[in-house]
C-alpha atoms as a PDB file:
ATOM      1  CA  MET A   1      36.330  -9.107   4.560  1.00  0.00           C
ATOM      2  CA  THR A   2      34.860 -12.552   5.256  1.00  0.00           C
ATOM      3  CA  THR A   3      32.015 -13.666   2.991  1.00  0.00           C
ATOM      4  CA  GLN A   4      28.991 -15.004   4.865  1.00  0.00           C
ATOM      5  CA  VAL A   5      27.895 -18.485   3.775  1.00  0.00           C
ATOM      6  CA  GLU A   6      24.215 -18.686   2.887  1.00  0.00           C
ATOM      7  CA  SER A   7      22.985 -21.353   5.307  1.00  0.00           C
ATOM      8  CA  CYS A   8      19.394 -21.884   4.175  1.00  0.00           C
ATOM      9  CA  TRP A   9      19.382 -25.336   5.794  1.00  0.00           C
ATOM     10  CA  ASN A  10      19.318 -23.603   9.201  1.00  0.00           C
ATOM     11  CA  VAL A  11      16.300 -21.493   8.234  1.00  0.00           C
ATOM     12  CA  ILE A  12      13.998 -23.425   5.903  1.00  0.00           C
ATOM     13  CA  GLY A  13      15.851 -26.730   5.704  1.00  0.00           C
ATOM     14  CA  ILE A  14      16.345 -29.770   7.915  1.00  0.00           C
ATOM     15  CA  GLU A  15      17.660 -27.651  10.821  1.00  0.00           C
ATOM     16  CA  GLY A  16      15.005 -24.970  10.347  1.00  0.00           C
ATOM     17  CA  ASP A  17      11.239 -25.013   9.838  1.00  0.00           C
ATOM     18  CA  ARG A  18      11.477 -27.560   6.949  1.00  0.00           C
ATOM     19  CA  THR A  19       9.420 -25.405   4.563  1.00  0.00           C
ATOM     20  CA  CYS A  20      11.928 -25.663   1.708  1.00  0.00           C
ATOM     21  CA  ALA A  21      10.230 -27.068  -1.388  1.00  0.00           C
ATOM     22  CA  GLU A  22      13.431 -28.917  -2.352  1.00  0.00           C
ATOM     23  CA  LEU A  23      13.107 -31.276   0.648  1.00  0.00           C
ATOM     24  CA  ALA A  24      10.442 -33.212  -1.224  1.00  0.00           C
ATOM     25  CA  THR A  25      13.048 -33.940  -3.910  1.00  0.00           C
ATOM     26  CA  HIS A  26      16.254 -34.343  -1.885  1.00  0.00           C
ATOM     27  CA  ALA A  27      14.829 -35.625   1.471  1.00  0.00           C
ATOM     28  CA  HIS A  28      17.761 -34.056   3.355  1.00  0.00           C
ATOM     29  CA  CYS A  29      19.786 -30.865   2.900  1.00  0.00           C
ATOM     30  CA  ARG A  30      23.017 -32.841   2.566  1.00  0.00           C
ATOM     31  CA  ASN A  31      21.728 -34.134  -0.807  1.00  0.00           C
ATOM     32  CA  CYS A  32      21.015 -30.608  -2.123  1.00  0.00           C
ATOM     33  CA  PRO A  33      23.399 -28.816  -4.553  1.00  0.00           C
ATOM     34  CA  VAL A  34      23.164 -25.617  -2.467  1.00  0.00           C
ATOM     35  CA  TYR A  35      24.497 -27.466   0.601  1.00  0.00           C
ATOM     36  CA  SER A  36      27.301 -29.035  -1.474  1.00  0.00           C
ATOM     37  CA  ALA A  37      28.269 -25.658  -2.935  1.00  0.00           C
ATOM     38  CA  ALA A  38      28.507 -24.157   0.562  1.00  0.00           C
ATOM     39  CA  GLY A  39      30.771 -27.034   1.621  1.00  0.00           C
ATOM     40  CA  ARG A  40      33.059 -26.449  -1.360  1.00  0.00           C
ATOM     41  CA  TYR A  41      33.254 -22.756  -0.512  1.00  0.00           C
ATOM     42  CA  LEU A  42      34.291 -23.499   3.077  1.00  0.00           C
ATOM     43  CA  LEU A  43      37.028 -25.856   1.896  1.00  0.00           C
ATOM     44  CA  GLU A  44      38.325 -23.347  -0.641  1.00  0.00           C
ATOM     45  CA  ARG A  45      38.152 -20.222   1.548  1.00  0.00           C
ATOM     46  CA  PRO A  46      41.388 -18.338   2.371  1.00  0.00           C
ATOM     47  CA  THR A  47      43.449 -19.559   5.331  1.00  0.00           C
ATOM     48  CA  PRO A  48      42.705 -17.517   8.499  1.00  0.00           C
ATOM     49  CA  GLU A  49      45.387 -15.121   9.719  1.00  0.00           C
ATOM     50  CA  LYS A  50      48.126 -16.838  11.800  1.00  0.00           C
ATOM     51  CA  TYR A  51      46.531 -20.277  11.223  1.00  0.00           C
ATOM     52  CA  ARG A  52      49.494 -21.671   9.276  1.00  0.00           C
ATOM     53  CA  HIS A  53      51.990 -20.258  11.777  1.00  0.00           C
ATOM     54  CA  GLU A  54      50.144 -21.737  14.804  1.00  0.00           C
ATOM     55  CA  TRP A  55      49.995 -25.236  13.323  1.00  0.00           C
ATOM     56  CA  THR A  56      53.597 -25.111  12.129  1.00  0.00           C
ATOM     57  CA  GLN A  57      54.672 -24.417  15.706  1.00  0.00           C
ATOM     58  CA  LEU A  58      52.348 -27.115  17.063  1.00  0.00           C
ATOM     59  CA  LEU A  59      53.655 -29.835  14.739  1.00  0.00           C
ATOM     60  CA  ALA A  60      57.246 -28.893  15.548  1.00  0.00           C
ATOM     61  CA  GLU A  61      56.761 -29.420  19.294  1.00  0.00           C
ATOM     62  CA  SER A  62      57.279 -32.653  21.223  1.00  0.00           C
ATOM     63  CA  PRO A  63      54.167 -34.701  22.262  1.00  0.00           C
ATOM     64  CA  ASN A  64      54.366 -33.410  25.860  1.00  0.00           C
ATOM     65  CA  GLU A  65      54.620 -29.812  24.728  1.00  0.00           C
ATOM     66  CA  LYS A  66      51.686 -30.203  22.358  1.00  0.00           C
ATOM     67  CA  ASN A  67      49.133 -30.935  25.057  1.00  0.00           C
ATOM     68  CA  SER A  68      50.159 -27.921  27.105  1.00  0.00           C
ATOM     69  CA  HIS A  69      50.064 -25.509  24.165  1.00  0.00           C
ATOM     70  CA  LEU A  70      47.044 -26.805  22.244  1.00  0.00           C
ATOM     71  CA  PRO A  71      44.584 -24.082  21.277  1.00  0.00           C
ATOM     72  CA  THR A  72      41.360 -24.131  23.300  1.00  0.00           C
ATOM     73  CA  TYR A  73      39.318 -25.288  20.310  1.00  0.00           C
ATOM     74  CA  ALA A  74      41.680 -28.240  19.771  1.00  0.00           C
ATOM     75  CA  LEU A  75      41.311 -29.345  23.391  1.00  0.00           C
ATOM     76  CA  ARG A  76      37.545 -29.169  23.070  1.00  0.00           C
ATOM     77  CA  THR A  77      37.708 -31.302  19.913  1.00  0.00           C
ATOM     78  CA  LYS A  78      39.515 -34.090  21.763  1.00  0.00           C
ATOM     79  CA  GLU A  79      36.567 -34.371  24.157  1.00  0.00           C
ATOM     80  CA  THR A  80      33.899 -34.139  21.462  1.00  0.00           C
ATOM     81  CA  LEU A  81      32.213 -37.267  20.137  1.00  0.00           C
ATOM     82  CA  THR A  82      30.883 -37.210  16.568  1.00  0.00           C
ATOM     83  CA  VAL A  83      28.146 -39.742  15.910  1.00  0.00           C
ATOM     84  CA  VAL A  84      25.438 -40.628  13.416  1.00  0.00           C
ATOM     85  CA  ILE A  85      21.994 -40.942  15.030  1.00  0.00           C
ATOM     86  CA  PHE A  86      19.419 -43.385  13.672  1.00  0.00           C
ATOM     87  CA  ARG A  87      16.226 -45.142  14.792  1.00  0.00           C
ATOM     88  CA  LEU A  88      15.345 -48.833  15.008  1.00  0.00           C
ATOM     89  CA  HIS A  89      11.664 -49.280  15.887  1.00  0.00           C
ATOM     90  CA  GLN A  90      11.193 -47.281  19.118  1.00  0.00           C
ATOM     91  CA  GLU A  91      14.881 -46.796  19.953  1.00  0.00           C
ATOM     92  CA  TRP A  92      17.214 -43.977  18.980  1.00  0.00           C
ATOM     93  CA  LEU A  93      20.800 -45.207  18.636  1.00  0.00           C
ATOM     94  CA  ALA A  94      24.168 -43.747  17.679  1.00  0.00           C
ATOM     95  CA  LEU A  95      27.453 -45.056  16.297  1.00  0.00           C
ATOM     96  CA  PRO A  96      30.742 -43.194  15.719  1.00  0.00           C
ATOM     97  CA  ALA A  97      30.505 -41.231  12.477  1.00  0.00           C
ATOM     98  CA  GLN A  98      33.795 -42.645  11.198  1.00  0.00           C
ATOM     99  CA  VAL A  99      32.341 -46.152  10.808  1.00  0.00           C
ATOM    100  CA  PHE A 100      29.524 -44.942   8.534  1.00  0.00           C
ATOM    101  CA  LYS A 101      30.391 -45.338   4.875  1.00  0.00           C
ATOM    102  CA  GLU A 102      27.091 -44.277   3.287  1.00  0.00           C
ATOM    103  CA  THR A 103      23.312 -44.571   3.376  1.00  0.00           C
ATOM    104  CA  THR A 104      21.181 -45.735   0.457  1.00  0.00           C
ATOM    105  CA  PRO A 105      17.482 -46.205  -0.277  1.00  0.00           C
ATOM    106  CA  PRO A 106      16.045 -49.639   0.618  1.00  0.00           C
ATOM    107  CA  SER A 107      17.124 -52.411  -1.749  1.00  0.00           C
ATOM    108  CA  VAL A 108      16.205 -56.018  -2.391  1.00  0.00           C
ATOM    109  CA  ILE A 109      17.791 -58.396   0.129  1.00  0.00           C
ATOM    110  CA  HIS A 110      18.740 -61.737  -1.420  1.00  0.00           C
ATOM    111  CA  THR A 111      18.346 -64.488   1.148  1.00  0.00           C
ATOM    112  CA  LEU A 112      20.983 -67.155   1.541  1.00  0.00           C
ATOM    113  CA  PRO A 113      19.903 -70.814   1.309  1.00  0.00           C
ATOM    114  CA  HIS A 114      20.219 -73.084   4.349  1.00  0.00           C
ATOM    115  CA  ARG A 115      20.787 -70.191   6.747  1.00  0.00           C
ATOM    116  CA  GLN A 116      18.600 -70.182   9.858  1.00  0.00           C
ATOM    117  CA  ASN A 117      19.876 -66.987  11.432  1.00  0.00           C
ATOM    118  CA  GLN A 118      17.784 -63.980  12.492  1.00  0.00           C
ATOM    119  CA  VAL A 119      20.795 -61.658  12.539  1.00  0.00           C
ATOM    120  CA  LEU A 120      22.006 -62.422   9.007  1.00  0.00           C
ATOM    121  CA  ARG A 121      19.332 -61.416   6.502  1.00  0.00           C
ATOM    122  CA  GLY A 122      21.183 -62.055   3.248  1.00  0.00           C
ATOM    123  CA  LEU A 123      23.119 -60.243   0.551  1.00  0.00           C
ATOM    124  CA  ILE A 124      22.498 -56.758  -0.829  1.00  0.00           C
ATOM    125  CA  ASN A 125      23.947 -54.989  -3.842  1.00  0.00           C
ATOM    126  CA  ILE A 126      25.578 -51.655  -2.959  1.00  0.00           C
ATOM    127  CA  ARG A 127      26.995 -49.891  -6.028  1.00  0.00           C
ATOM    128  CA  GLY A 128      27.806 -53.198  -7.672  1.00  0.00           C
ATOM    129  CA  GLU A 129      29.356 -54.762  -4.562  1.00  0.00           C
ATOM    130  CA  LEU A 130      27.624 -57.610  -2.723  1.00  0.00           C
ATOM    131  CA  LEU A 131      27.629 -57.000   1.032  1.00  0.00           C
ATOM    132  CA  LEU A 132      26.159 -58.948   3.941  1.00  0.00           C
ATOM    133  CA  CYS A 133      22.938 -57.436   5.279  1.00  0.00           C
ATOM    134  CA  VAL A 134      22.157 -57.887   8.979  1.00  0.00           C
ATOM    135  CA  SER A 135      19.372 -57.027  11.398  1.00  0.00           C
ATOM    136  CA  LEU A 136      20.615 -54.868  14.264  1.00  0.00           C
ATOM    137  CA  SER A 137      17.135 -55.072  15.769  1.00  0.00           C
ATOM    138  CA  HIS A 138      17.604 -58.806  16.342  1.00  0.00           C
ATOM    139  CA  LEU A 139      21.213 -58.435  17.476  1.00  0.00           C
ATOM    140  CA  LEU A 140      20.248 -55.771  20.041  1.00  0.00           C
ATOM    141  CA  ASN A 141      16.947 -57.466  20.939  1.00  0.00           C
ATOM    142  CA  ILE A 142      14.893 -54.375  20.038  1.00  0.00           C
ATOM    143  CA  GLU A 143      11.237 -55.254  19.579  1.00  0.00           C
ATOM    144  CA  SER A 144       8.721 -53.379  17.496  1.00  0.00           C
ATOM    145  CA  GLY A 145       6.302 -51.321  19.615  1.00  0.00           C
ATOM    146  CA  ASP A 146       2.517 -51.539  19.479  1.00  0.00           C
ATOM    147  CA  THR A 147       2.279 -48.023  18.072  1.00  0.00           C
ATOM    148  CA  PRO A 148       4.596 -46.583  15.411  1.00  0.00           C
ATOM    149  CA  ARG A 149       6.991 -43.984  16.701  1.00  0.00           C
ATOM    150  CA  GLN A 150       6.525 -40.463  15.384  1.00  0.00           C
ATOM    151  CA  GLY A 151       9.321 -39.470  13.047  1.00  0.00           C
ATOM    152  CA  LEU A 152      11.245 -36.235  13.167  1.00  0.00           C
ATOM    153  CA  SER A 153       9.799 -35.112   9.872  1.00  0.00           C
ATOM    154  CA  PRO A 154       6.893 -35.959   7.578  1.00  0.00           C
ATOM    155  CA  VAL A 155       9.628 -36.577   4.986  1.00  0.00           C
ATOM    156  CA  SER A 156      10.854 -39.650   6.875  1.00  0.00           C
ATOM    157  CA  HIS A 157      12.200 -42.593   4.927  1.00  0.00           C
ATOM    158  CA  SER A 158      13.696 -45.956   5.760  1.00  0.00           C
ATOM    159  CA  ARG A 159      17.299 -46.322   4.705  1.00  0.00           C
ATOM    160  CA  MET A 160      20.011 -48.907   4.366  1.00  0.00           C
ATOM    161  CA  ALA A 161      23.100 -47.928   6.373  1.00  0.00           C
ATOM    162  CA  VAL A 162      26.540 -49.152   5.325  1.00  0.00           C
ATOM    163  CA  ILE A 163      29.155 -49.337   8.079  1.00  0.00           C
ATOM    164  CA  GLU A 164      32.795 -50.357   7.745  1.00  0.00           C
ATOM    165  CA  LYS A 165      35.689 -50.888  10.130  1.00  0.00           C
ATOM    166  CA  ALA A 166      39.102 -52.424   9.430  1.00  0.00           C
ATOM    167  CA  GLY A 167      37.908 -53.561   6.007  1.00  0.00           C
ATOM    168  CA  ASN A 168      34.783 -55.316   7.331  1.00  0.00           C
ATOM    169  CA  ALA A 169      31.553 -53.896   5.911  1.00  0.00           C
ATOM    170  CA  TRP A 170      27.952 -54.565   6.903  1.00  0.00           C
ATOM    171  CA  VAL A 171      24.596 -53.216   5.760  1.00  0.00           C
ATOM    172  CA  PHE A 172      21.531 -52.883   7.983  1.00  0.00           C
ATOM    173  CA  PRO A 173      18.094 -51.280   7.540  1.00  0.00           C
ATOM    174  CA  VAL A 174      17.065 -48.345   9.742  1.00  0.00           C
ATOM    175  CA  ASP A 175      13.594 -46.886  10.202  1.00  0.00           C
ATOM    176  CA  GLU A 176      14.912 -43.329  10.218  1.00  0.00           C
ATOM    177  CA  ILE A 177      18.269 -41.611  10.147  1.00  0.00           C
ATOM    178  CA  TYR A 178      18.906 -38.135  11.509  1.00  0.00           C
ATOM    179  CA  GLY A 179      22.533 -37.604  10.512  1.00  0.00           C
ATOM    180  CA  VAL A 180      25.657 -36.315  12.236  1.00  0.00           C
ATOM    181  CA  HIS A 181      25.519 -35.008  15.805  1.00  0.00           C
ATOM    182  CA  ARG A 182      28.299 -33.843  18.156  1.00  0.00           C
ATOM    183  CA  PHE A 183      28.280 -33.840  21.923  1.00  0.00           C
ATOM    184  CA  HIS A 184      30.775 -33.659  24.783  1.00  0.00           C
ATOM    185  CA  ARG A 185      32.057 -36.877  26.295  1.00  0.00           C
ATOM    186  CA  ARG A 186      30.956 -35.781  29.768  1.00  0.00           C
ATOM    187  CA  GLU A 187      27.324 -35.804  28.621  1.00  0.00           C
ATOM    188  CA  LEU A 188      27.397 -39.615  28.514  1.00  0.00           C
ATOM    189  CA  ARG A 189      25.646 -41.298  31.427  1.00  0.00           C
ATOM    190  CA  ASP A 190      25.301 -44.934  32.406  1.00  0.00           C
ATOM    191  CA  ALA A 191      22.703 -47.148  30.776  1.00  0.00           C
ATOM    192  CA  PHE A 192      19.683 -47.761  32.968  1.00  0.00           C
ATOM    193  CA  LYS A 193      17.208 -50.574  33.423  1.00  0.00           C
ATOM    194  CA  ARG A 194      14.698 -49.562  30.773  1.00  0.00           C
ATOM    195  CA  LEU A 195      17.097 -50.955  28.166  1.00  0.00           C
ATOM    196  CA  THR A 196      17.033 -54.675  27.473  1.00  0.00           C
ATOM    197  CA  GLN A 197      19.971 -56.624  28.840  1.00  0.00           C
ATOM    198  CA  THR A 198      21.265 -57.195  25.312  1.00  0.00           C
ATOM    199  CA  THR A 199      21.090 -53.508  24.393  1.00  0.00           C
ATOM    200  CA  GLN A 200      22.846 -52.563  27.649  1.00  0.00           C
ATOM    201  CA  THR A 201      25.691 -54.907  26.728  1.00  0.00           C
ATOM    202  CA  TYR A 202      26.320 -53.008  23.500  1.00  0.00           C
ATOM    203  CA  THR A 203      25.767 -49.518  24.959  1.00  0.00           C
ATOM    204  CA  LYS A 204      28.703 -47.394  26.126  1.00  0.00           C
ATOM    205  CA  GLY A 205      26.360 -44.819  27.582  1.00  0.00           C
ATOM    206  CA  LEU A 206      23.284 -42.656  27.036  1.00  0.00           C
ATOM    207  CA  PHE A 207      22.965 -39.010  26.079  1.00  0.00           C
ATOM    208  CA  SER A 208      20.076 -36.595  25.620  1.00  0.00           C
ATOM    209  CA  TRP A 209      19.442 -35.095  22.217  1.00  0.00           C
ATOM    210  CA  GLN A 210      16.813 -32.629  21.067  1.00  0.00           C
ATOM    211  CA  PRO A 211      16.509 -32.102  17.306  1.00  0.00           C
ATOM    212  CA  ALA A 212      15.911 -28.602  16.002  1.00  0.00           C
ATOM    213  CA  ASN A 213      12.264 -27.523  16.086  1.00  0.00           C
ATOM    214  CA  PHE A 214      11.258 -30.649  18.015  1.00  0.00           C
ATOM    215  CA  PRO A 215       9.385 -30.083  21.304  1.00  0.00           C
ATOM    216  CA  THR A 216      10.916 -32.926  23.337  1.00  0.00           C
ATOM    217  CA  SER A 217      14.330 -34.467  23.789  1.00  0.00           C
ATOM    218  CA  HIS A 218      15.252 -38.070  23.094  1.00  0.00           C
ATOM    219  CA  THR A 219      17.469 -40.488  24.979  1.00  0.00           C
ATOM    220  CA  VAL A 220      20.024 -42.002  22.599  1.00  0.00           C
ATOM    221  CA  SER A 221      22.071 -45.153  23.204  1.00  0.00           C
ATOM    222  CA  TYR A 222      25.698 -44.689  22.153  1.00  0.00           C
ATOM    223  CA  LEU A 223      26.746 -48.115  20.864  1.00  0.00           C
ATOM    224  CA  ASP A 224      30.134 -49.779  21.294  1.00  0.00           C
ATOM    225  CA  ASP A 225      31.306 -50.120  17.683  1.00  0.00           C
ATOM    226  CA  GLU A 226      34.195 -52.468  18.553  1.00  0.00           C
ATOM    227  CA  LEU A 227      31.868 -54.946  20.267  1.00  0.00           C
ATOM    228  CA  LEU A 228      29.254 -54.539  17.541  1.00  0.00           C
ATOM    229  CA  PHE A 229      31.641 -55.469  14.719  1.00  0.00           C
ATOM    230  CA  THR A 230      33.083 -58.370  16.718  1.00  0.00           C
ATOM    231  CA  SER A 231      29.603 -59.750  17.451  1.00  0.00           C
ATOM    232  CA  LEU A 232      28.465 -59.388  13.835  1.00  0.00           C
ATOM    233  CA  ALA A 233      31.499 -61.339  12.638  1.00  0.00           C
ATOM    234  CA  ARG A 234      30.650 -64.101  15.117  1.00  0.00           C
ATOM    235  CA  LYS A 235      26.853 -64.235  14.886  1.00  0.00           C
ATOM    236  CA  ALA A 236      26.194 -63.456  11.220  1.00  0.00           C
ATOM    237  CA  GLN A 237      27.463 -66.862  10.146  1.00  0.00           C
END
């Protein structure tokens, strides 16, 4: 018999009605011990029937045979994009989840002398390591609106996001971070004229996203991480 995982985060947590008293302490369910315990249980649960046999056969096949015999869920996974959604001023943006290393509370940014650069803000200490802190708002030419944008939750905090790719790490402040979201590749549509020319350059496409218990959907710009890292290396000098 399969044991049901207690998923309180879908009922009273960040994906539910947000009435959990622990949110005031942990800010997000992913920081809660109950959420961590559920994750450990899922990793340690017994292997499903025939799972080992199916993957043994799959790994033994040639590359051409693999695509024709992949389970339906595996084919779906190949077309699924996993991103982290965050907000800069009025804009909701997304980057591939694999480039996100961690998020931390806001920290002191130590400016660098003789640097006249709006993109490069300075140095920041992340767990004892000094990393370059940049402003994606300036890189993407995103201006602050006249009126503050309503957050997804009253428990909405600014964060410092740490991204890394091929050994190159950068830190940038965000006004709000939602977390991980998955969507199908075919949901991407072309960027349209409401975006600034700079933001369009860095945008692979747009997708619609409606958070749980939120009345309206948002348009999110899916950023080109390759171009972003290349531009940061060139402009944050």
